[in-house]
Amino acid sequence: MRSTAKKIETLRIIAHPIRIKILDELTKGVKCVSDLEEFLEISQPNVSQHLSLLRSHGIIDYYVDGRLKCYFLVDAMIPELLSVLNKNYTSKLPAPACCPITKKGKYPGVRHGKQKTTVA
């Protein structure tokens, strides 16, 4: 069973746009560095840095085929996480009717606390 600390660490490691794209590609199958370099349109050293970080945390691994390093997913949680991240959520959860403890109070329909302001 994966500890909460390990789950948090996994989320921290994958929380980068390039690493998310790499992992999305690897859910489709094995990819070589050159495949990822072409797909991501970034330099080979940059791709390798991201792959190295993902590998050092046990999220991916590779095998060598001649001169090629071929990468693949090993962490079973990643496809499920990516599936959730790729969903298009269009609605919010319903507001509570009242406080579950006192059974009083009513949601006013506006958020309390700091509101984000937009600059035109």
PDB file of N, CA and C in Angstrom:
ATOM      1  N   MET A   1       0.842  -1.184   0.000  1.00  0.00           N
ATOM      2  CA  MET A   1       0.000   0.000   0.000  1.00  0.00           C
ATOM      3  C   MET A   1       0.886   1.246   0.000  1.00  0.00           C
ATOM      4  N   ARG A   2       0.542   2.199  -0.801  1.00  0.00           N
ATOM      5  CA  ARG A   2       1.313   3.431  -0.949  1.00  0.00           C
ATOM      6  C   ARG A   2       0.944   4.399   0.171  1.00  0.00           C
ATOM      7  N   SER A   3       1.959   4.909   0.864  1.00  0.00           N
ATOM      8  CA  SER A   3       1.714   5.849   1.962  1.00  0.00           C
ATOM      9  C   SER A   3       1.252   7.194   1.420  1.00  0.00           C
ATOM     10  N   THR A   4       0.650   7.977   2.278  1.00  0.00           N
ATOM     11  CA  THR A   4       0.216   9.323   1.885  1.00  0.00           C
ATOM     12  C   THR A   4       1.405  10.148   1.417  1.00  0.00           C
ATOM     13  N   ALA A   5       2.535  10.024   2.112  1.00  0.00           N
ATOM     14  CA  ALA A   5       3.738  10.767   1.724  1.00  0.00           C
ATOM     15  C   ALA A   5       4.200  10.378   0.322  1.00  0.00           C
ATOM     16  N   LYS A   6       4.134   9.087   0.004  1.00  0.00           N
ATOM     17  CA  LYS A   6       4.535   8.618  -1.330  1.00  0.00           C
ATOM     18  C   LYS A   6       3.567   9.125  -2.399  1.00  0.00           C
ATOM     19  N   LYS A   7       2.274   9.154  -2.083  1.00  0.00           N
ATOM     20  CA  LYS A   7       1.284   9.685  -3.032  1.00  0.00           C
ATOM     21  C   LYS A   7       1.551  11.161  -3.310  1.00  0.00           C
ATOM     22  N   ILE A   8       1.818  11.907  -2.257  1.00  0.00           N
ATOM     23  CA  ILE A   8       2.095  13.342  -2.403  1.00  0.00           C
ATOM     24  C   ILE A   8       3.358  13.557  -3.228  1.00  0.00           C
ATOM     25  N   GLU A   9       4.381  12.753  -2.964  1.00  0.00           N
ATOM     26  CA  GLU A   9       5.630  12.858  -3.714  1.00  0.00           C
ATOM     27  C   GLU A   9       5.400  12.549  -5.197  1.00  0.00           C
ATOM     28  N   THR A  10       4.599  11.546  -5.487  1.00  0.00           N
ATOM     29  CA  THR A  10       4.287  11.209  -6.878  1.00  0.00           C
ATOM     30  C   THR A  10       3.577  12.368  -7.562  1.00  0.00           C
ATOM     31  N   LEU A  11       2.606  12.962  -6.882  1.00  0.00           N
ATOM     32  CA  LEU A  11       1.901  14.109  -7.458  1.00  0.00           C
ATOM     33  C   LEU A  11       2.850  15.278  -7.695  1.00  0.00           C
ATOM     34  N   ARG A  12       3.758  15.506  -6.762  1.00  0.00           N
ATOM     35  CA  ARG A  12       4.723  16.598  -6.905  1.00  0.00           C
ATOM     36  C   ARG A  12       5.620  16.360  -8.117  1.00  0.00           C
ATOM     37  N   ILE A  13       6.064  15.139  -8.294  1.00  0.00           N
ATOM     38  CA  ILE A  13       6.972  14.813  -9.398  1.00  0.00           C
ATOM     39  C   ILE A  13       6.276  14.948 -10.751  1.00  0.00           C
ATOM     40  N   ILE A  14       5.050  14.501 -10.870  1.00  0.00           N
ATOM     41  CA  ILE A  14       4.398  14.565 -12.186  1.00  0.00           C
ATOM     42  C   ILE A  14       3.820  15.946 -12.489  1.00  0.00           C
ATOM     43  N   ALA A  15       3.763  16.824 -11.509  1.00  0.00           N
ATOM     44  CA  ALA A  15       3.119  18.133 -11.672  1.00  0.00           C
ATOM     45  C   ALA A  15       3.988  19.107 -12.466  1.00  0.00           C
ATOM     46  N   HIS A  16       4.222  18.782 -13.701  1.00  0.00           N
ATOM     47  CA  HIS A  16       4.966  19.654 -14.623  1.00  0.00           C
ATOM     48  C   HIS A  16       4.392  19.406 -16.016  1.00  0.00           C
ATOM     49  N   PRO A  17       4.149  20.459 -16.786  1.00  0.00           N
ATOM     50  CA  PRO A  17       3.511  20.261 -18.100  1.00  0.00           C
ATOM     51  C   PRO A  17       4.238  19.271 -19.011  1.00  0.00           C
ATOM     52  N   ILE A  18       5.546  19.312 -19.040  1.00  0.00           N
ATOM     53  CA  ILE A  18       6.289  18.397 -19.915  1.00  0.00           C
ATOM     54  C   ILE A  18       6.177  16.967 -19.407  1.00  0.00           C
ATOM     55  N   ARG A  19       6.281  16.776 -18.088  1.00  0.00           N
ATOM     56  CA  ARG A  19       6.183  15.420 -17.552  1.00  0.00           C
ATOM     57  C   ARG A  19       4.781  14.841 -17.752  1.00  0.00           C
ATOM     58  N   ILE A  20       3.763  15.683 -17.634  1.00  0.00           N
ATOM     59  CA  ILE A  20       2.393  15.211 -17.912  1.00  0.00           C
ATOM     60  C   ILE A  20       2.292  14.759 -19.374  1.00  0.00           C
ATOM     61  N   LYS A  21       2.859  15.528 -20.298  1.00  0.00           N
ATOM     62  CA  LYS A  21       2.822  15.146 -21.716  1.00  0.00           C
ATOM     63  C   LYS A  21       3.588  13.849 -21.967  1.00  0.00           C
ATOM     64  N   ILE A  22       4.744  13.709 -21.317  1.00  0.00           N
ATOM     65  CA  ILE A  22       5.527  12.482 -21.450  1.00  0.00           C
ATOM     66  C   ILE A  22       4.704  11.294 -20.964  1.00  0.00           C
ATOM     67  N   LEU A  23       4.108  11.425 -19.799  1.00  0.00           N
ATOM     68  CA  LEU A  23       3.329  10.328 -19.237  1.00  0.00           C
ATOM     69  C   LEU A  23       2.104  10.017 -20.088  1.00  0.00           C
ATOM     70  N   ASP A  24       1.473  11.049 -20.626  1.00  0.00           N
ATOM     71  CA  ASP A  24       0.345  10.826 -21.547  1.00  0.00           C
ATOM     72  C   ASP A  24       0.791   9.985 -22.738  1.00  0.00           C
ATOM     73  N   GLU A  25       1.944  10.303 -23.296  1.00  0.00           N
ATOM     74  CA  GLU A  25       2.466   9.546 -24.433  1.00  0.00           C
ATOM     75  C   GLU A  25       2.798   8.114 -24.040  1.00  0.00           C
ATOM     76  N   LEU A  26       3.366   7.943 -22.852  1.00  0.00           N
ATOM     77  CA  LEU A  26       3.749   6.601 -22.420  1.00  0.00           C
ATOM     78  C   LEU A  26       2.538   5.726 -22.104  1.00  0.00           C
ATOM     79  N   THR A  27       1.375   6.333 -21.839  1.00  0.00           N
ATOM     80  CA  THR A  27       0.174   5.513 -21.649  1.00  0.00           C
ATOM     81  C   THR A  27      -0.237   4.848 -22.967  1.00  0.00           C
ATOM     82  N   LYS A  28       0.238   5.404 -24.084  1.00  0.00           N
ATOM     83  CA  LYS A  28      -0.068   4.847 -25.406  1.00  0.00           C
ATOM     84  C   LYS A  28       0.877   3.715 -25.791  1.00  0.00           C
ATOM     85  N   GLY A  29       1.998   3.605 -25.032  1.00  0.00           N
ATOM     86  CA  GLY A  29       2.966   2.547 -25.317  1.00  0.00           C
ATOM     87  C   GLY A  29       4.390   3.012 -25.149  1.00  0.00           C
ATOM     88  N   VAL A  30       5.317   2.135 -25.417  1.00  0.00           N
ATOM     89  CA  VAL A  30       6.748   2.391 -25.264  1.00  0.00           C
ATOM     90  C   VAL A  30       7.186   3.494 -26.221  1.00  0.00           C
ATOM     91  N   LYS A  31       8.010   4.400 -25.718  1.00  0.00           N
ATOM     92  CA  LYS A  31       8.544   5.491 -26.543  1.00  0.00           C
ATOM     93  C   LYS A  31      10.042   5.618 -26.300  1.00  0.00           C
ATOM     94  N   CYS A  32      10.768   5.921 -27.359  1.00  0.00           N
ATOM     95  CA  CYS A  32      12.199   6.193 -27.263  1.00  0.00           C
ATOM     96  C   CYS A  32      12.397   7.684 -27.052  1.00  0.00           C
ATOM     97  N   VAL A  33      13.571   8.061 -26.592  1.00  0.00           N
ATOM     98  CA  VAL A  33      13.865   9.469 -26.335  1.00  0.00           C
ATOM     99  C   VAL A  33      13.629  10.305 -27.589  1.00  0.00           C
ATOM    100  N   SER A  34      14.048   9.802 -28.739  1.00  0.00           N
ATOM    101  CA  SER A  34      13.879  10.567 -29.983  1.00  0.00           C
ATOM    102  C   SER A  34      12.404  10.781 -30.308  1.00  0.00           C
ATOM    103  N   ASP A  35      11.550   9.793 -30.002  1.00  0.00           N
ATOM    104  CA  ASP A  35      10.104   9.952 -30.205  1.00  0.00           C
ATOM    105  C   ASP A  35       9.572  11.098 -29.349  1.00  0.00           C
ATOM    106  N   LEU A  36       9.986  11.102 -28.096  1.00  0.00           N
ATOM    107  CA  LEU A  36       9.513  12.134 -27.167  1.00  0.00           C
ATOM    108  C   LEU A  36      10.068  13.505 -27.527  1.00  0.00           C
ATOM    109  N   GLU A  37      11.329  13.534 -27.940  1.00  0.00           N
ATOM    110  CA  GLU A  37      11.963  14.790 -28.350  1.00  0.00           C
ATOM    111  C   GLU A  37      11.199  15.413 -29.517  1.00  0.00           C
ATOM    112  N   GLU A  38      10.847  14.605 -30.470  1.00  0.00           N
ATOM    113  CA  GLU A  38      10.101  15.083 -31.643  1.00  0.00           C
ATOM    114  C   GLU A  38       8.697  15.535 -31.246  1.00  0.00           C
ATOM    115  N   PHE A  39       8.016  14.729 -30.446  1.00  0.00           N
ATOM    116  CA  PHE A  39       6.658  15.029 -30.026  1.00  0.00           C
ATOM    117  C   PHE A  39       6.604  16.310 -29.190  1.00  0.00           C
ATOM    118  N   LEU A  40       7.530  16.460 -28.250  1.00  0.00           N
ATOM    119  CA  LEU A  40       7.512  17.601 -27.322  1.00  0.00           C
ATOM    120  C   LEU A  40       8.148  18.859 -27.911  1.00  0.00           C
ATOM    121  N   GLU A  41       8.932  18.676 -28.965  1.00  0.00           N
ATOM    122  CA  GLU A  41       9.654  19.793 -29.593  1.00  0.00           C
ATOM    123  C   GLU A  41      10.555  20.502 -28.592  1.00  0.00           C
ATOM    124  N   ILE A  42      11.294  19.698 -27.803  1.00  0.00           N
ATOM    125  CA  ILE A  42      12.298  20.226 -26.881  1.00  0.00           C
ATOM    126  C   ILE A  42      13.581  19.431 -27.088  1.00  0.00           C
ATOM    127  N   SER A  43      14.673  19.931 -26.535  1.00  0.00           N
ATOM    128  CA  SER A  43      15.972  19.297 -26.755  1.00  0.00           C
ATOM    129  C   SER A  43      16.069  17.935 -26.078  1.00  0.00           C
ATOM    130  N   GLN A  44      16.948  17.107 -26.626  1.00  0.00           N
ATOM    131  CA  GLN A  44      17.165  15.771 -26.067  1.00  0.00           C
ATOM    132  C   GLN A  44      17.625  15.844 -24.616  1.00  0.00           C
ATOM    133  N   PRO A  45      18.569  16.751 -24.245  1.00  0.00           N
ATOM    134  CA  PRO A  45      18.967  16.825 -22.837  1.00  0.00           C
ATOM    135  C   PRO A  45      17.797  17.179 -21.913  1.00  0.00           C
ATOM    136  N   ASN A  46      16.896  18.039 -22.377  1.00  0.00           N
ATOM    137  CA  ASN A  46      15.733  18.417 -21.570  1.00  0.00           C
ATOM    138  C   ASN A  46      14.805  17.215 -21.383  1.00  0.00           C
ATOM    139  N   VAL A  47      14.542  16.476 -22.457  1.00  0.00           N
ATOM    140  CA  VAL A  47      13.716  15.271 -22.370  1.00  0.00           C
ATOM    141  C   VAL A  47      14.356  14.291 -21.392  1.00  0.00           C
ATOM    142  N   SER A  48      15.656  14.091 -21.521  1.00  0.00           N
ATOM    143  CA  SER A  48      16.372  13.140 -20.669  1.00  0.00           C
ATOM    144  C   SER A  48      16.313  13.521 -19.193  1.00  0.00           C
ATOM    145  N   GLN A  49      16.364  14.809 -18.896  1.00  0.00           N
ATOM    146  CA  GLN A  49      16.253  15.261 -17.500  1.00  0.00           C
ATOM    147  C   GLN A  49      14.898  14.876 -16.915  1.00  0.00           C
ATOM    148  N   HIS A  50      13.844  15.108 -17.667  1.00  0.00           N
ATOM    149  CA  HIS A  50      12.502  14.762 -17.192  1.00  0.00           C
ATOM    150  C   HIS A  50      12.361  13.247 -17.032  1.00  0.00           C
ATOM    151  N   LEU A  51      12.863  12.498 -18.002  1.00  0.00           N
ATOM    152  CA  LEU A  51      12.795  11.039 -17.929  1.00  0.00           C
ATOM    153  C   LEU A  51      13.582  10.516 -16.729  1.00  0.00           C
ATOM    154  N   SER A  52      14.732  11.092 -16.488  1.00  0.00           N
ATOM    155  CA  SER A  52      15.565  10.681 -15.358  1.00  0.00           C
ATOM    156  C   SER A  52      14.844  10.892 -14.030  1.00  0.00           C
ATOM    157  N   LEU A  53      14.189  12.026 -13.885  1.00  0.00           N
ATOM    158  CA  LEU A  53      13.452  12.306 -12.654  1.00  0.00           C
ATOM    159  C   LEU A  53      12.299  11.317 -12.474  1.00  0.00           C
ATOM    160  N   LEU A  54      11.537  11.074 -13.540  1.00  0.00           N
ATOM    161  CA  LEU A  54      10.432  10.130 -13.468  1.00  0.00           C
ATOM    162  C   LEU A  54      10.929   8.717 -13.143  1.00  0.00           C
ATOM    163  N   ARG A  55      12.058   8.350 -13.714  1.00  0.00           N
ATOM    164  CA  ARG A  55      12.620   7.018 -13.473  1.00  0.00           C
ATOM    165  C   ARG A  55      13.140   6.898 -12.046  1.00  0.00           C
ATOM    166  N   SER A  56      13.797   7.937 -11.539  1.00  0.00           N
ATOM    167  CA  SER A  56      14.360   7.863 -10.188  1.00  0.00           C
ATOM    168  C   SER A  56      13.278   7.745  -9.116  1.00  0.00           C
ATOM    169  N   HIS A  57      12.052   8.106  -9.461  1.00  0.00           N
ATOM    170  CA  HIS A  57      10.939   7.990  -8.517  1.00  0.00           C
ATOM    171  C   HIS A  57      10.061   6.768  -8.804  1.00  0.00           C
ATOM    172  N   GLY A  58      10.518   5.878  -9.676  1.00  0.00           N
ATOM    173  CA  GLY A  58       9.825   4.627  -9.923  1.00  0.00           C
ATOM    174  C   GLY A  58       8.537   4.757 -10.710  1.00  0.00           C
ATOM    175  N   ILE A  59       8.405   5.848 -11.455  1.00  0.00           N
ATOM    176  CA  ILE A  59       7.186   6.065 -12.241  1.00  0.00           C
ATOM    177  C   ILE A  59       7.315   5.422 -13.618  1.00  0.00           C
ATOM    178  N   ILE A  60       8.511   5.471 -14.172  1.00  0.00           N
ATOM    179  CA  ILE A  60       8.791   4.858 -15.467  1.00  0.00           C
ATOM    180  C   ILE A  60      10.073   4.032 -15.362  1.00  0.00           C
ATOM    181  N   ASP A  61      10.347   3.253 -16.390  1.00  0.00           N
ATOM    182  CA  ASP A  61      11.615   2.538 -16.503  1.00  0.00           C
ATOM    183  C   ASP A  61      11.940   2.446 -17.995  1.00  0.00           C
ATOM    184  N   TYR A  62      13.069   1.831 -18.324  1.00  0.00           N
ATOM    185  CA  TYR A  62      13.448   1.709 -19.728  1.00  0.00           C
ATOM    186  C   TYR A  62      14.193   0.404 -19.960  1.00  0.00           C
ATOM    187  N   TYR A  63      14.294   0.061 -21.231  1.00  0.00           N
ATOM    188  CA  TYR A  63      15.178  -1.019 -21.661  1.00  0.00           C
ATOM    189  C   TYR A  63      15.993  -0.476 -22.819  1.00  0.00           C
ATOM    190  N   VAL A  64      17.112  -1.115 -23.089  1.00  0.00           N
ATOM    191  CA  VAL A  64      17.994  -0.683 -24.165  1.00  0.00           C
ATOM    192  C   VAL A  64      17.806  -1.603 -25.357  1.00  0.00           C
ATOM    193  N   ASP A  65      17.615  -0.992 -26.528  1.00  0.00           N
ATOM    194  CA  ASP A  65      17.496  -1.719 -27.782  1.00  0.00           C
ATOM    195  C   ASP A  65      18.552  -1.144 -28.719  1.00  0.00           C
ATOM    196  N   GLY A  66      19.710  -1.790 -28.746  1.00  0.00           N
ATOM    197  CA  GLY A  66      20.827  -1.247 -29.529  1.00  0.00           C
ATOM    198  C   GLY A  66      21.311   0.038 -28.895  1.00  0.00           C
ATOM    199  N   ARG A  67      21.175   1.131 -29.643  1.00  0.00           N
ATOM    200  CA  ARG A  67      21.570   2.441 -29.113  1.00  0.00           C
ATOM    201  C   ARG A  67      20.388   3.205 -28.527  1.00  0.00           C
ATOM    202  N   LEU A  68      19.200   2.655 -28.608  1.00  0.00           N
ATOM    203  CA  LEU A  68      18.000   3.344 -28.150  1.00  0.00           C
ATOM    204  C   LEU A  68      17.624   2.959 -26.725  1.00  0.00           C
ATOM    205  N   LYS A  69      17.191   3.955 -25.966  1.00  0.00           N
ATOM    206  CA  LYS A  69      16.567   3.706 -24.669  1.00  0.00           C
ATOM    207  C   LYS A  69      15.072   3.846 -24.881  1.00  0.00           C
ATOM    208  N   CYS A  70      14.358   2.790 -24.555  1.00  0.00           N
ATOM    209  CA  CYS A  70      12.912   2.759 -24.767  1.00  0.00           C
ATOM    210  C   CYS A  70      12.224   2.806 -23.407  1.00  0.00           C
ATOM    211  N   TYR A  71      11.410   3.833 -23.190  1.00  0.00           N
ATOM    212  CA  TYR A  71      10.785   4.080 -21.885  1.00  0.00           C
ATOM    213  C   TYR A  71       9.351   3.575 -21.853  1.00  0.00           C
ATOM    214  N   PHE A  72       8.920   3.165 -20.660  1.00  0.00           N
ATOM    215  CA  PHE A  72       7.562   2.681 -20.457  1.00  0.00           C
ATOM    216  C   PHE A  72       7.130   2.966 -19.015  1.00  0.00           C
ATOM    217  N   LEU A  73       5.820   3.006 -18.807  1.00  0.00           N
ATOM    218  CA  LEU A  73       5.251   3.245 -17.476  1.00  0.00           C
ATOM    219  C   LEU A  73       5.393   2.000 -16.611  1.00  0.00           C
ATOM    220  N   VAL A  74       5.646   2.205 -15.306  1.00  0.00           N
ATOM    221  CA  VAL A  74       5.633   1.082 -14.368  1.00  0.00           C
ATOM    222  C   VAL A  74       4.695   1.350 -13.182  1.00  0.00           C
ATOM    223  N   ASP A  75       4.349   2.600 -12.944  1.00  0.00           N
ATOM    224  CA  ASP A  75       3.471   2.953 -11.828  1.00  0.00           C
ATOM    225  C   ASP A  75       2.019   2.869 -12.285  1.00  0.00           C
ATOM    226  N   ALA A  76       1.289   1.920 -11.735  1.00  0.00           N
ATOM    227  CA  ALA A  76      -0.094   1.668 -12.155  1.00  0.00           C
ATOM    228  C   ALA A  76      -1.042   2.819 -11.830  1.00  0.00           C
ATOM    229  N   MET A  77      -0.654   3.700 -10.920  1.00  0.00           N
ATOM    230  CA  MET A  77      -1.519   4.824 -10.551  1.00  0.00           C
ATOM    231  C   MET A  77      -1.559   5.905 -11.643  1.00  0.00           C
ATOM    232  N   ILE A  78      -0.522   6.001 -12.447  1.00  0.00           N
ATOM    233  CA  ILE A  78      -0.379   7.097 -13.415  1.00  0.00           C
ATOM    234  C   ILE A  78      -1.495   7.124 -14.465  1.00  0.00           C
ATOM    235  N   PRO A  79      -1.842   6.030 -15.128  1.00  0.00           N
ATOM    236  CA  PRO A  79      -2.927   6.119 -16.116  1.00  0.00           C
ATOM    237  C   PRO A  79      -4.241   6.600 -15.507  1.00  0.00           C
ATOM    238  N   GLU A  80      -4.527   6.180 -14.284  1.00  0.00           N
ATOM    239  CA  GLU A  80      -5.762   6.624 -13.627  1.00  0.00           C
ATOM    240  C   GLU A  80      -5.707   8.114 -13.302  1.00  0.00           C
ATOM    241  N   LEU A  81      -4.567   8.575 -12.801  1.00  0.00           N
ATOM    242  CA  LEU A  81      -4.418  10.013 -12.515  1.00  0.00           C
ATOM    243  C   LEU A  81      -4.583  10.835 -13.784  1.00  0.00           C
ATOM    244  N   LEU A  82      -3.956  10.395 -14.860  1.00  0.00           N
ATOM    245  CA  LEU A  82      -4.044  11.127 -16.122  1.00  0.00           C
ATOM    246  C   LEU A  82      -5.476  11.123 -16.658  1.00  0.00           C
ATOM    247  N   SER A  83      -6.168  10.030 -16.461  1.00  0.00           N
ATOM    248  CA  SER A  83      -7.560   9.954 -16.896  1.00  0.00           C
ATOM    249  C   SER A  83      -8.406  11.012 -16.195  1.00  0.00           C
ATOM    250  N   VAL A  84      -8.203  11.159 -14.902  1.00  0.00           N
ATOM    251  CA  VAL A  84      -8.935  12.178 -14.135  1.00  0.00           C
ATOM    252  C   VAL A  84      -8.541  13.576 -14.608  1.00  0.00           C
ATOM    253  N   LEU A  85      -7.252  13.804 -14.795  1.00  0.00           N
ATOM    254  CA  LEU A  85      -6.778  15.124 -15.227  1.00  0.00           C
ATOM    255  C   LEU A  85      -7.274  15.496 -16.621  1.00  0.00           C
ATOM    256  N   ASN A  86      -7.487  14.488 -17.463  1.00  0.00           N
ATOM    257  CA  ASN A  86      -7.907  14.757 -18.837  1.00  0.00           C
ATOM    258  C   ASN A  86      -9.417  14.892 -19.013  1.00  0.00           C
ATOM    259  N   LYS A  87     -10.175  14.613 -17.967  1.00  0.00           N
ATOM    260  CA  LYS A  87     -11.630  14.764 -18.059  1.00  0.00           C
ATOM    261  C   LYS A  87     -12.003  16.238 -18.124  1.00  0.00           C
ATOM    262  N   ASN A  88     -13.100  16.506 -18.777  1.00  0.00           N
ATOM    263  CA  ASN A  88     -13.591  17.874 -18.899  1.00  0.00           C
ATOM    264  C   ASN A  88     -14.765  18.057 -17.938  1.00  0.00           C
ATOM    265  N   TYR A  89     -14.462  18.532 -16.751  1.00  0.00           N
ATOM    266  CA  TYR A  89     -15.501  18.739 -15.752  1.00  0.00           C
ATOM    267  C   TYR A  89     -16.173  20.083 -16.021  1.00  0.00           C
ATOM    268  N   THR A  90     -17.467  20.062 -16.252  1.00  0.00           N
ATOM    269  CA  THR A  90     -18.173  21.291 -16.614  1.00  0.00           C
ATOM    270  C   THR A  90     -19.063  21.827 -15.506  1.00  0.00           C
ATOM    271  N   SER A  91     -19.286  21.044 -14.468  1.00  0.00           N
ATOM    272  CA  SER A  91     -20.167  21.525 -13.406  1.00  0.00           C
ATOM    273  C   SER A  91     -19.473  21.438 -12.053  1.00  0.00           C
ATOM    274  N   LYS A  92     -20.073  22.084 -11.078  1.00  0.00           N
ATOM    275  CA  LYS A  92     -19.556  22.060  -9.712  1.00  0.00           C
ATOM    276  C   LYS A  92     -20.410  21.103  -8.891  1.00  0.00           C
ATOM    277  N   LEU A  93     -19.878  20.707  -7.758  1.00  0.00           N
ATOM    278  CA  LEU A  93     -20.660  19.877  -6.840  1.00  0.00           C
ATOM    279  C   LEU A  93     -21.770  20.720  -6.230  1.00  0.00           C
ATOM    280  N   PRO A  94     -22.897  20.109  -5.884  1.00  0.00           N
ATOM    281  CA  PRO A  94     -23.995  20.887  -5.290  1.00  0.00           C
ATOM    282  C   PRO A  94     -23.621  21.405  -3.903  1.00  0.00           C
ATOM    283  N   ALA A  95     -24.145  22.567  -3.568  1.00  0.00           N
ATOM    284  CA  ALA A  95     -23.904  23.162  -2.256  1.00  0.00           C
ATOM    285  C   ALA A  95     -24.717  22.419  -1.199  1.00  0.00           C
ATOM    286  N   PRO A  96     -24.257  22.415   0.040  1.00  0.00           N
ATOM    287  CA  PRO A  96     -25.040  21.767   1.096  1.00  0.00           C
ATOM    288  C   PRO A  96     -26.307  22.563   1.404  1.00  0.00           C
ATOM    289  N   ALA A  97     -27.346  21.851   1.809  1.00  0.00           N
ATOM    290  CA  ALA A  97     -28.603  22.523   2.170  1.00  0.00           C
ATOM    291  C   ALA A  97     -28.453  23.293   3.478  1.00  0.00           C
ATOM    292  N   CYS A  98     -27.678  22.732   4.413  1.00  0.00           N
ATOM    293  CA  CYS A  98     -27.450  23.391   5.701  1.00  0.00           C
ATOM    294  C   CYS A  98     -26.234  22.767   6.362  1.00  0.00           C
ATOM    295  N   CYS A  99     -25.894  23.256   7.532  1.00  0.00           N
ATOM    296  CA  CYS A  99     -24.780  22.706   8.294  1.00  0.00           C
ATOM    297  C   CYS A  99     -25.150  21.291   8.750  1.00  0.00           C
ATOM    298  N   PRO A 100     -24.299  20.299   8.501  1.00  0.00           N
ATOM    299  CA  PRO A 100     -24.644  18.930   8.867  1.00  0.00           C
ATOM    300  C   PRO A 100     -24.666  18.687  10.381  1.00  0.00           C
ATOM    301  N   ILE A 101     -24.076  19.580  11.160  1.00  0.00           N
ATOM    302  CA  ILE A 101     -24.037  19.400  12.616  1.00  0.00           C
ATOM    303  C   ILE A 101     -25.207  20.102  13.296  1.00  0.00           C
ATOM    304  N   THR A 102     -25.372  21.398  13.023  1.00  0.00           N
ATOM    305  CA  THR A 102     -26.428  22.156  13.707  1.00  0.00           C
ATOM    306  C   THR A 102     -27.760  22.075  12.985  1.00  0.00           C
ATOM    307  N   LYS A 103     -27.719  21.651  11.726  1.00  0.00           N
ATOM    308  CA  LYS A 103     -28.913  21.611  10.866  1.00  0.00           C
ATOM    309  C   LYS A 103     -29.510  23.005  10.668  1.00  0.00           C
ATOM    310  N   LYS A 104     -28.654  24.022  10.853  1.00  0.00           N
ATOM    311  CA  LYS A 104     -29.083  25.409  10.648  1.00  0.00           C
ATOM    312  C   LYS A 104     -28.205  26.030   9.576  1.00  0.00           C
ATOM    313  N   GLY A 105     -28.482  27.239   9.289  1.00  0.00           N
ATOM    314  CA  GLY A 105     -27.687  27.957   8.300  1.00  0.00           C
ATOM    315  C   GLY A 105     -28.081  27.556   6.899  1.00  0.00           C
ATOM    316  N   LYS A 106     -27.796  28.430   5.984  1.00  0.00           N
ATOM    317  CA  LYS A 106     -28.145  28.180   4.596  1.00  0.00           C
ATOM    318  C   LYS A 106     -27.068  28.790   3.713  1.00  0.00           C
ATOM    319  N   TYR A 107     -26.677  28.077   2.708  1.00  0.00           N
ATOM    320  CA  TYR A 107     -25.669  28.559   1.774  1.00  0.00           C
ATOM    321  C   TYR A 107     -26.216  29.770   1.021  1.00  0.00           C
ATOM    322  N   PRO A 108     -25.516  30.918   1.098  1.00  0.00           N
ATOM    323  CA  PRO A 108     -26.042  32.136   0.469  1.00  0.00           C
ATOM    324  C   PRO A 108     -25.863  32.190  -1.053  1.00  0.00           C
ATOM    325  N   GLY A 109     -25.115  31.252  -1.595  1.00  0.00           N
ATOM    326  CA  GLY A 109     -24.939  31.244  -3.044  1.00  0.00           C
ATOM    327  C   GLY A 109     -23.709  32.002  -3.517  1.00  0.00           C
ATOM    328  N   VAL A 110     -22.957  32.592  -2.602  1.00  0.00           N
ATOM    329  CA  VAL A 110     -21.713  33.266  -2.957  1.00  0.00           C
ATOM    330  C   VAL A 110     -20.604  32.724  -2.072  1.00  0.00           C
ATOM    331  N   ARG A 111     -19.392  32.728  -2.610  1.00  0.00           N
ATOM    332  CA  ARG A 111     -18.241  32.259  -1.842  1.00  0.00           C
ATOM    333  C   ARG A 111     -17.871  33.255  -0.781  1.00  0.00           C
ATOM    334  N   HIS A 112     -17.492  32.751   0.359  1.00  0.00           N
ATOM    335  CA  HIS A 112     -16.971  33.602   1.422  1.00  0.00           C
ATOM    336  C   HIS A 112     -15.456  33.667   1.283  1.00  0.00           C
ATOM    337  N   GLY A 113     -14.844  34.685   1.863  1.00  0.00           N
ATOM    338  CA  GLY A 113     -13.394  34.814   1.798  1.00  0.00           C
ATOM    339  C   GLY A 113     -12.989  35.688   0.636  1.00  0.00           C
ATOM    340  N   LYS A 114     -11.703  35.597   0.304  1.00  0.00           N
ATOM    341  CA  LYS A 114     -11.152  36.432  -0.763  1.00  0.00           C
ATOM    342  C   LYS A 114     -11.698  36.005  -2.113  1.00  0.00           C
ATOM    343  N   GLN A 115     -12.099  36.947  -2.883  1.00  0.00           N
ATOM    344  CA  GLN A 115     -12.572  36.703  -4.240  1.00  0.00           C
ATOM    345  C   GLN A 115     -11.481  37.138  -5.216  1.00  0.00           C
ATOM    346  N   LYS A 116     -11.307  36.360  -6.255  1.00  0.00           N
ATOM    347  CA  LYS A 116     -10.334  36.729  -7.292  1.00  0.00           C
ATOM    348  C   LYS A 116     -10.921  37.890  -8.090  1.00  0.00           C
ATOM    349  N   THR A 117     -10.093  38.838  -8.379  1.00  0.00           N
ATOM    350  CA  THR A 117     -10.529  39.955  -9.229  1.00  0.00           C
ATOM    351  C   THR A 117      -9.835  39.819 -10.568  1.00  0.00           C
ATOM    352  N   THR A 118     -10.518  40.193 -11.590  1.00  0.00           N
ATOM    353  CA  THR A 118      -9.930  40.138 -12.923  1.00  0.00           C
ATOM    354  C   THR A 118      -9.562  41.537 -13.363  1.00  0.00           C
ATOM    355  N   VAL A 119      -8.447  41.613 -14.035  1.00  0.00           N
ATOM    356  CA  VAL A 119      -7.962  42.895 -14.548  1.00  0.00           C
ATOM    357  C   VAL A 119      -8.258  42.935 -16.033  1.00  0.00           C
ATOM    358  N   ALA A 120      -8.904  43.996 -16.454  1.00  0.00           N
ATOM    359  CA  ALA A 120      -9.249  44.112 -17.876  1.00  0.00           C
ATOM    360  C   ALA A 120      -8.147  44.744 -18.675  1.00  0.00           C
TER     361      ALA A 120
END
